[in-house]
Amino acid sequence: MAKNDRATKGKKVTQQLFGPQGLPPAAGQMKPFMDLTNDYLFGEVWTRPGLAMKERSRITCAVLAAFGREAQLKGHLKGALNLGLKPAELRETLIHVAHYAGWSTGVIGLKALDEVIAERAAAAMEAKPAVKRKPAARKKTA
Protein backbone atom coordinates (compact mmCIF):
# COMPACT_ATOMS: atom_id res chain seq x y z
CA MET A 1 0.00 0.00 0.00
CA ALA A 2 1.30 3.46 -0.86
CA LYS A 3 2.30 5.77 1.98
CA ASN A 4 -0.40 8.31 1.09
CA ASP A 5 -3.07 5.58 1.22
CA ARG A 6 -1.83 4.43 4.63
CA ALA A 7 -1.72 8.00 5.92
CA THR A 8 -5.29 8.64 4.75
CA LYS A 9 -6.57 5.37 6.19
CA GLY A 10 -4.71 6.01 9.45
CA LYS A 11 -6.21 9.48 9.77
CA LYS A 12 -9.70 8.07 9.21
CA VAL A 13 -9.21 5.41 11.90
CA THR A 14 -7.80 7.85 14.46
CA GLN A 15 -10.63 10.28 13.81
CA GLN A 16 -13.15 7.52 14.49
CA LEU A 17 -11.34 6.64 17.69
CA PHE A 18 -10.22 9.99 19.05
CA GLY A 19 -12.39 12.61 17.35
CA PRO A 20 -11.86 15.05 14.48
CA GLN A 21 -8.27 15.84 15.46
CA GLY A 22 -7.17 12.19 15.20
CA LEU A 23 -3.78 11.76 16.84
CA PRO A 24 -2.43 14.74 18.76
CA PRO A 25 -0.13 16.97 16.71
CA ALA A 26 3.54 16.14 17.04
CA ALA A 27 6.71 18.15 16.51
CA GLY A 28 10.42 17.67 16.91
CA GLN A 29 11.62 14.15 17.59
CA MET A 30 8.05 12.85 18.02
CA LYS A 31 6.91 13.82 14.49
CA PRO A 32 8.48 10.88 12.60
CA PHE A 33 7.29 8.47 15.32
CA MET A 34 3.71 9.76 15.20
CA ASP A 35 3.76 9.61 11.39
CA LEU A 36 4.73 5.93 11.65
CA THR A 37 2.04 5.38 14.26
CA ASN A 38 -0.60 6.94 12.02
CA ASP A 39 0.54 5.33 8.79
CA TYR A 40 1.52 1.85 9.90
CA LEU A 41 -0.31 1.09 13.14
CA PHE A 42 -3.60 2.79 12.30
CA GLY A 43 -3.38 2.87 8.49
CA GLU A 44 -2.13 -0.68 8.01
CA VAL A 45 -2.70 -2.82 11.12
CA TRP A 46 -6.05 -1.40 12.25
CA THR A 47 -7.48 -1.66 8.71
CA ARG A 48 -6.55 -5.30 8.10
CA PRO A 49 -9.42 -7.67 7.36
CA GLY A 50 -10.56 -10.21 9.94
CA LEU A 51 -11.43 -8.03 12.94
CA ALA A 52 -13.91 -5.21 13.26
CA MET A 53 -12.68 -1.91 14.70
CA LYS A 54 -14.65 -2.51 17.90
CA GLU A 55 -12.86 -5.84 18.36
CA ARG A 56 -9.45 -4.27 17.73
CA SER A 57 -10.31 -1.50 20.17
CA ARG A 58 -11.37 -3.93 22.89
CA ILE A 59 -8.21 -6.01 22.39
CA THR A 60 -6.08 -2.87 22.56
CA CYS A 61 -7.72 -1.85 25.84
CA ALA A 62 -7.08 -5.32 27.26
CA VAL A 63 -3.40 -5.27 26.25
CA LEU A 64 -2.80 -1.75 27.55
CA ALA A 65 -4.43 -2.70 30.86
CA ALA A 66 -2.34 -5.87 31.09
CA PHE A 67 0.86 -3.87 30.56
CA GLY A 68 -0.21 -1.13 32.99
CA ARG A 69 -0.13 1.63 30.36
CA GLU A 70 -2.69 3.82 32.13
CA ALA A 71 -2.34 7.01 30.04
CA GLN A 72 -2.68 5.14 26.74
CA LEU A 73 -5.46 2.99 28.23
CA LYS A 74 -7.53 6.08 29.03
CA GLY A 75 -7.17 7.32 25.46
CA HIS A 76 -8.19 3.96 24.05
CA LEU A 77 -11.09 3.59 26.50
CA LYS A 78 -12.38 6.92 25.16
CA GLY A 79 -11.88 5.58 21.65
CA ALA A 80 -13.71 2.34 22.46
CA LEU A 81 -16.68 4.32 23.78
CA ASN A 82 -16.56 6.52 20.67
CA LEU A 83 -16.81 3.37 18.55
CA GLY A 84 -19.92 2.27 20.44
CA LEU A 85 -18.56 -0.20 22.96
CA LYS A 86 -20.63 -0.08 26.13
CA PRO A 87 -19.11 0.68 29.55
CA ALA A 88 -20.33 -2.74 30.74
CA GLU A 89 -18.43 -4.46 27.90
CA LEU A 90 -15.26 -2.61 28.82
CA ARG A 91 -15.78 -3.34 32.52
CA GLU A 92 -16.10 -7.06 31.82
CA THR A 93 -13.01 -6.96 29.59
CA LEU A 94 -10.98 -5.37 32.38
CA ILE A 95 -12.29 -7.82 34.99
CA HIS A 96 -11.30 -10.68 32.68
CA VAL A 97 -7.83 -9.19 32.15
CA ALA A 98 -7.31 -8.87 35.92
CA HIS A 99 -7.55 -12.62 36.34
CA TYR A 100 -4.77 -13.24 33.83
CA ALA A 101 -2.54 -10.18 34.18
CA GLY A 102 -2.86 -9.47 37.89
CA TRP A 103 -5.38 -7.99 40.24
CA SER A 104 -3.80 -4.54 40.22
CA THR A 105 -4.24 -4.30 36.44
CA GLY A 106 -7.97 -4.69 36.98
CA VAL A 107 -8.00 -2.03 39.68
CA ILE A 108 -6.02 0.42 37.54
CA GLY A 109 -8.09 -0.36 34.45
CA LEU A 110 -11.45 -0.03 36.18
CA LYS A 111 -10.41 3.24 37.84
CA ALA A 112 -9.35 4.53 34.44
CA LEU A 113 -12.71 3.50 32.99
CA ASP A 114 -14.56 5.28 35.80
CA GLU A 115 -12.51 8.44 35.16
CA VAL A 116 -13.20 8.33 31.42
CA ILE A 117 -16.94 7.82 32.00
CA ALA A 118 -17.01 10.71 34.50
CA GLU A 119 -15.13 13.00 32.07
CA ARG A 120 -17.59 12.15 29.29
CA ALA A 121 -20.56 12.82 31.56
CA ALA A 122 -19.11 16.17 32.65
CA ALA A 123 -18.40 17.15 29.03
CA ALA A 124 -21.93 16.17 28.03
CA MET A 125 -23.38 18.31 30.81
CA GLU A 126 -21.27 21.30 29.75
CA ALA A 127 -22.34 20.86 26.13
CA LYS A 128 -26.06 20.92 26.96
CA PRO A 129 -27.60 24.34 26.42
CA ALA A 130 -29.25 25.79 29.46
CA VAL A 131 -32.99 25.36 29.39
CA LYS A 132 -34.77 28.67 29.74
CA ARG A 133 -37.96 28.48 31.69
CA LYS A 134 -40.77 30.91 31.37
CA PRO A 135 -41.59 32.64 34.61
CA ALA A 136 -44.76 31.31 36.16
CA ALA A 137 -47.80 33.47 35.47
CA ARG A 138 -48.91 35.31 38.57
CA LYS A 139 -52.46 34.97 39.63
CA LYS A 140 -54.34 38.22 39.82
CA THR A 141 -55.85 38.91 43.17
CA ALA A 142 -58.94 40.99 43.57
C-alpha atoms as a PDB file:
ATOM      1  CA  MET A   1       0.000   0.000   0.000  1.00  0.00           C
ATOM      2  CA  ALA A   2       1.297   3.463  -0.861  1.00  0.00           C
ATOM      3  CA  LYS A   3       2.298   5.773   1.978  1.00  0.00           C
ATOM      4  CA  ASN A   4      -0.401   8.309   1.087  1.00  0.00           C
ATOM      5  CA  ASP A   5      -3.071   5.576   1.218  1.00  0.00           C
ATOM      6  CA  ARG A   6      -1.834   4.427   4.634  1.00  0.00           C
ATOM      7  CA  ALA A   7      -1.724   7.999   5.923  1.00  0.00           C
ATOM      8  CA  THR A   8      -5.290   8.643   4.747  1.00  0.00           C
ATOM      9  CA  LYS A   9      -6.568   5.370   6.189  1.00  0.00           C
ATOM     10  CA  GLY A  10      -4.712   6.014   9.449  1.00  0.00           C
ATOM     11  CA  LYS A  11      -6.206   9.482   9.774  1.00  0.00           C
ATOM     12  CA  LYS A  12      -9.697   8.072   9.213  1.00  0.00           C
ATOM     13  CA  VAL A  13      -9.211   5.413  11.902  1.00  0.00           C
ATOM     14  CA  THR A  14      -7.795   7.848  14.455  1.00  0.00           C
ATOM     15  CA  GLN A  15     -10.635  10.280  13.811  1.00  0.00           C
ATOM     16  CA  GLN A  16     -13.150   7.517  14.486  1.00  0.00           C
ATOM     17  CA  LEU A  17     -11.344   6.642  17.695  1.00  0.00           C
ATOM     18  CA  PHE A  18     -10.221   9.990  19.053  1.00  0.00           C
ATOM     19  CA  GLY A  19     -12.395  12.605  17.351  1.00  0.00           C
ATOM     20  CA  PRO A  20     -11.857  15.048  14.476  1.00  0.00           C
ATOM     21  CA  GLN A  21      -8.272  15.836  15.458  1.00  0.00           C
ATOM     22  CA  GLY A  22      -7.166  12.190  15.204  1.00  0.00           C
ATOM     23  CA  LEU A  23      -3.782  11.764  16.842  1.00  0.00           C
ATOM     24  CA  PRO A  24      -2.430  14.744  18.758  1.00  0.00           C
ATOM     25  CA  PRO A  25      -0.129  16.974  16.711  1.00  0.00           C
ATOM     26  CA  ALA A  26       3.542  16.141  17.039  1.00  0.00           C
ATOM     27  CA  ALA A  27       6.706  18.147  16.512  1.00  0.00           C
ATOM     28  CA  GLY A  28      10.416  17.669  16.906  1.00  0.00           C
ATOM     29  CA  GLN A  29      11.618  14.146  17.589  1.00  0.00           C
ATOM     30  CA  MET A  30       8.045  12.851  18.016  1.00  0.00           C
ATOM     31  CA  LYS A  31       6.909  13.818  14.493  1.00  0.00           C
ATOM     32  CA  PRO A  32       8.479  10.879  12.603  1.00  0.00           C
ATOM     33  CA  PHE A  33       7.293   8.471  15.315  1.00  0.00           C
ATOM     34  CA  MET A  34       3.713   9.763  15.196  1.00  0.00           C
ATOM     35  CA  ASP A  35       3.760   9.609  11.387  1.00  0.00           C
ATOM     36  CA  LEU A  36       4.725   5.925  11.649  1.00  0.00           C
ATOM     37  CA  THR A  37       2.040   5.384  14.265  1.00  0.00           C
ATOM     38  CA  ASN A  38      -0.601   6.944  12.022  1.00  0.00           C
ATOM     39  CA  ASP A  39       0.543   5.326   8.789  1.00  0.00           C
ATOM     40  CA  TYR A  40       1.522   1.852   9.901  1.00  0.00           C
ATOM     41  CA  LEU A  41      -0.313   1.091  13.136  1.00  0.00           C
ATOM     42  CA  PHE A  42      -3.597   2.786  12.298  1.00  0.00           C
ATOM     43  CA  GLY A  43      -3.383   2.872   8.491  1.00  0.00           C
ATOM     44  CA  GLU A  44      -2.133  -0.676   8.006  1.00  0.00           C
ATOM     45  CA  VAL A  45      -2.697  -2.820  11.119  1.00  0.00           C
ATOM     46  CA  TRP A  46      -6.046  -1.404  12.246  1.00  0.00           C
ATOM     47  CA  THR A  47      -7.481  -1.661   8.711  1.00  0.00           C
ATOM     48  CA  ARG A  48      -6.551  -5.296   8.101  1.00  0.00           C
ATOM     49  CA  PRO A  49      -9.422  -7.669   7.359  1.00  0.00           C
ATOM     50  CA  GLY A  50     -10.558 -10.214   9.944  1.00  0.00           C
ATOM     51  CA  LEU A  51     -11.430  -8.034  12.943  1.00  0.00           C
ATOM     52  CA  ALA A  52     -13.907  -5.208  13.258  1.00  0.00           C
ATOM     53  CA  MET A  53     -12.676  -1.911  14.695  1.00  0.00           C
ATOM     54  CA  LYS A  54     -14.647  -2.514  17.897  1.00  0.00           C
ATOM     55  CA  GLU A  55     -12.858  -5.843  18.364  1.00  0.00           C
ATOM     56  CA  ARG A  56      -9.450  -4.273  17.735  1.00  0.00           C
ATOM     57  CA  SER A  57     -10.307  -1.502  20.173  1.00  0.00           C
ATOM     58  CA  ARG A  58     -11.374  -3.934  22.890  1.00  0.00           C
ATOM     59  CA  ILE A  59      -8.209  -6.006  22.391  1.00  0.00           C
ATOM     60  CA  THR A  60      -6.081  -2.865  22.557  1.00  0.00           C
ATOM     61  CA  CYS A  61      -7.716  -1.851  25.843  1.00  0.00           C
ATOM     62  CA  ALA A  62      -7.075  -5.316  27.258  1.00  0.00           C
ATOM     63  CA  VAL A  63      -3.400  -5.275  26.250  1.00  0.00           C
ATOM     64  CA  LEU A  64      -2.805  -1.752  27.548  1.00  0.00           C
ATOM     65  CA  ALA A  65      -4.435  -2.696  30.861  1.00  0.00           C
ATOM     66  CA  ALA A  66      -2.340  -5.871  31.088  1.00  0.00           C
ATOM     67  CA  PHE A  67       0.858  -3.868  30.556  1.00  0.00           C
ATOM     68  CA  GLY A  68      -0.212  -1.135  32.989  1.00  0.00           C
ATOM     69  CA  ARG A  69      -0.125   1.633  30.361  1.00  0.00           C
ATOM     70  CA  GLU A  70      -2.689   3.823  32.128  1.00  0.00           C
ATOM     71  CA  ALA A  71      -2.339   7.007  30.036  1.00  0.00           C
ATOM     72  CA  GLN A  72      -2.682   5.142  26.744  1.00  0.00           C
ATOM     73  CA  LEU A  73      -5.456   2.991  28.231  1.00  0.00           C
ATOM     74  CA  LYS A  74      -7.534   6.079  29.031  1.00  0.00           C
ATOM     75  CA  GLY A  75      -7.167   7.322  25.464  1.00  0.00           C
ATOM     76  CA  HIS A  76      -8.191   3.961  24.054  1.00  0.00           C
ATOM     77  CA  LEU A  77     -11.089   3.590  26.499  1.00  0.00           C
ATOM     78  CA  LYS A  78     -12.376   6.919  25.159  1.00  0.00           C
ATOM     79  CA  GLY A  79     -11.879   5.585  21.651  1.00  0.00           C
ATOM     80  CA  ALA A  80     -13.713   2.344  22.464  1.00  0.00           C
ATOM     81  CA  LEU A  81     -16.675   4.319  23.785  1.00  0.00           C
ATOM     82  CA  ASN A  82     -16.563   6.519  20.669  1.00  0.00           C
ATOM     83  CA  LEU A  83     -16.810   3.366  18.552  1.00  0.00           C
ATOM     84  CA  GLY A  84     -19.917   2.270  20.437  1.00  0.00           C
ATOM     85  CA  LEU A  85     -18.557  -0.198  22.963  1.00  0.00           C
ATOM     86  CA  LYS A  86     -20.626  -0.075  26.133  1.00  0.00           C
ATOM     87  CA  PRO A  87     -19.114   0.680  29.550  1.00  0.00           C
ATOM     88  CA  ALA A  88     -20.333  -2.737  30.737  1.00  0.00           C
ATOM     89  CA  GLU A  89     -18.431  -4.458  27.897  1.00  0.00           C
ATOM     90  CA  LEU A  90     -15.257  -2.614  28.817  1.00  0.00           C
ATOM     91  CA  ARG A  91     -15.776  -3.338  32.521  1.00  0.00           C
ATOM     92  CA  GLU A  92     -16.098  -7.061  31.822  1.00  0.00           C
ATOM     93  CA  THR A  93     -13.014  -6.957  29.586  1.00  0.00           C
ATOM     94  CA  LEU A  94     -10.985  -5.373  32.385  1.00  0.00           C
ATOM     95  CA  ILE A  95     -12.287  -7.820  34.988  1.00  0.00           C
ATOM     96  CA  HIS A  96     -11.304 -10.678  32.681  1.00  0.00           C
ATOM     97  CA  VAL A  97      -7.827  -9.193  32.154  1.00  0.00           C
ATOM     98  CA  ALA A  98      -7.309  -8.874  35.917  1.00  0.00           C
ATOM     99  CA  HIS A  99      -7.555 -12.624  36.338  1.00  0.00           C
ATOM    100  CA  TYR A 100      -4.766 -13.237  33.830  1.00  0.00           C
ATOM    101  CA  ALA A 101      -2.539 -10.182  34.183  1.00  0.00           C
ATOM    102  CA  GLY A 102      -2.859  -9.466  37.895  1.00  0.00           C
ATOM    103  CA  TRP A 103      -5.384  -7.991  40.237  1.00  0.00           C
ATOM    104  CA  SER A 104      -3.797  -4.537  40.223  1.00  0.00           C
ATOM    105  CA  THR A 105      -4.241  -4.301  36.439  1.00  0.00           C
ATOM    106  CA  GLY A 106      -7.970  -4.690  36.981  1.00  0.00           C
ATOM    107  CA  VAL A 107      -8.004  -2.030  39.678  1.00  0.00           C
ATOM    108  CA  ILE A 108      -6.021   0.417  37.540  1.00  0.00           C
ATOM    109  CA  GLY A 109      -8.095  -0.355  34.447  1.00  0.00           C
ATOM    110  CA  LEU A 110     -11.446  -0.034  36.184  1.00  0.00           C
ATOM    111  CA  LYS A 111     -10.413   3.241  37.845  1.00  0.00           C
ATOM    112  CA  ALA A 112      -9.347   4.535  34.437  1.00  0.00           C
ATOM    113  CA  LEU A 113     -12.714   3.500  32.985  1.00  0.00           C
ATOM    114  CA  ASP A 114     -14.557   5.283  35.801  1.00  0.00           C
ATOM    115  CA  GLU A 115     -12.515   8.444  35.158  1.00  0.00           C
ATOM    116  CA  VAL A 116     -13.198   8.334  31.417  1.00  0.00           C
ATOM    117  CA  ILE A 117     -16.937   7.822  31.995  1.00  0.00           C
ATOM    118  CA  ALA A 118     -17.008  10.711  34.503  1.00  0.00           C
ATOM    119  CA  GLU A 119     -15.125  12.998  32.067  1.00  0.00           C
ATOM    120  CA  ARG A 120     -17.587  12.146  29.288  1.00  0.00           C
ATOM    121  CA  ALA A 121     -20.558  12.818  31.560  1.00  0.00           C
ATOM    122  CA  ALA A 122     -19.110  16.173  32.649  1.00  0.00           C
ATOM    123  CA  ALA A 123     -18.400  17.152  29.031  1.00  0.00           C
ATOM    124  CA  ALA A 124     -21.935  16.174  28.027  1.00  0.00           C
ATOM    125  CA  MET A 125     -23.379  18.314  30.815  1.00  0.00           C
ATOM    126  CA  GLU A 126     -21.273  21.296  29.753  1.00  0.00           C
ATOM    127  CA  ALA A 127     -22.340  20.865  26.135  1.00  0.00           C
ATOM    128  CA  LYS A 128     -26.055  20.920  26.955  1.00  0.00           C
ATOM    129  CA  PRO A 129     -27.600  24.336  26.422  1.00  0.00           C
ATOM    130  CA  ALA A 130     -29.246  25.794  29.460  1.00  0.00           C
ATOM    131  CA  VAL A 131     -32.995  25.365  29.392  1.00  0.00           C
ATOM    132  CA  LYS A 132     -34.775  28.668  29.740  1.00  0.00           C
ATOM    133  CA  ARG A 133     -37.957  28.476  31.688  1.00  0.00           C
ATOM    134  CA  LYS A 134     -40.771  30.910  31.371  1.00  0.00           C
ATOM    135  CA  PRO A 135     -41.594  32.641  34.607  1.00  0.00           C
ATOM    136  CA  ALA A 136     -44.763  31.308  36.158  1.00  0.00           C
ATOM    137  CA  ALA A 137     -47.796  33.468  35.471  1.00  0.00           C
ATOM    138  CA  ARG A 138     -48.911  35.306  38.573  1.00  0.00           C
ATOM    139  CA  LYS A 139     -52.456  34.970  39.629  1.00  0.00           C
ATOM    140  CA  LYS A 140     -54.341  38.221  39.818  1.00  0.00           C
ATOM    141  CA  THR A 141     -55.849  38.908  43.173  1.00  0.00           C
ATOM    142  CA  ALA A 142     -58.944  40.988  43.569  1.00  0.00           C
END
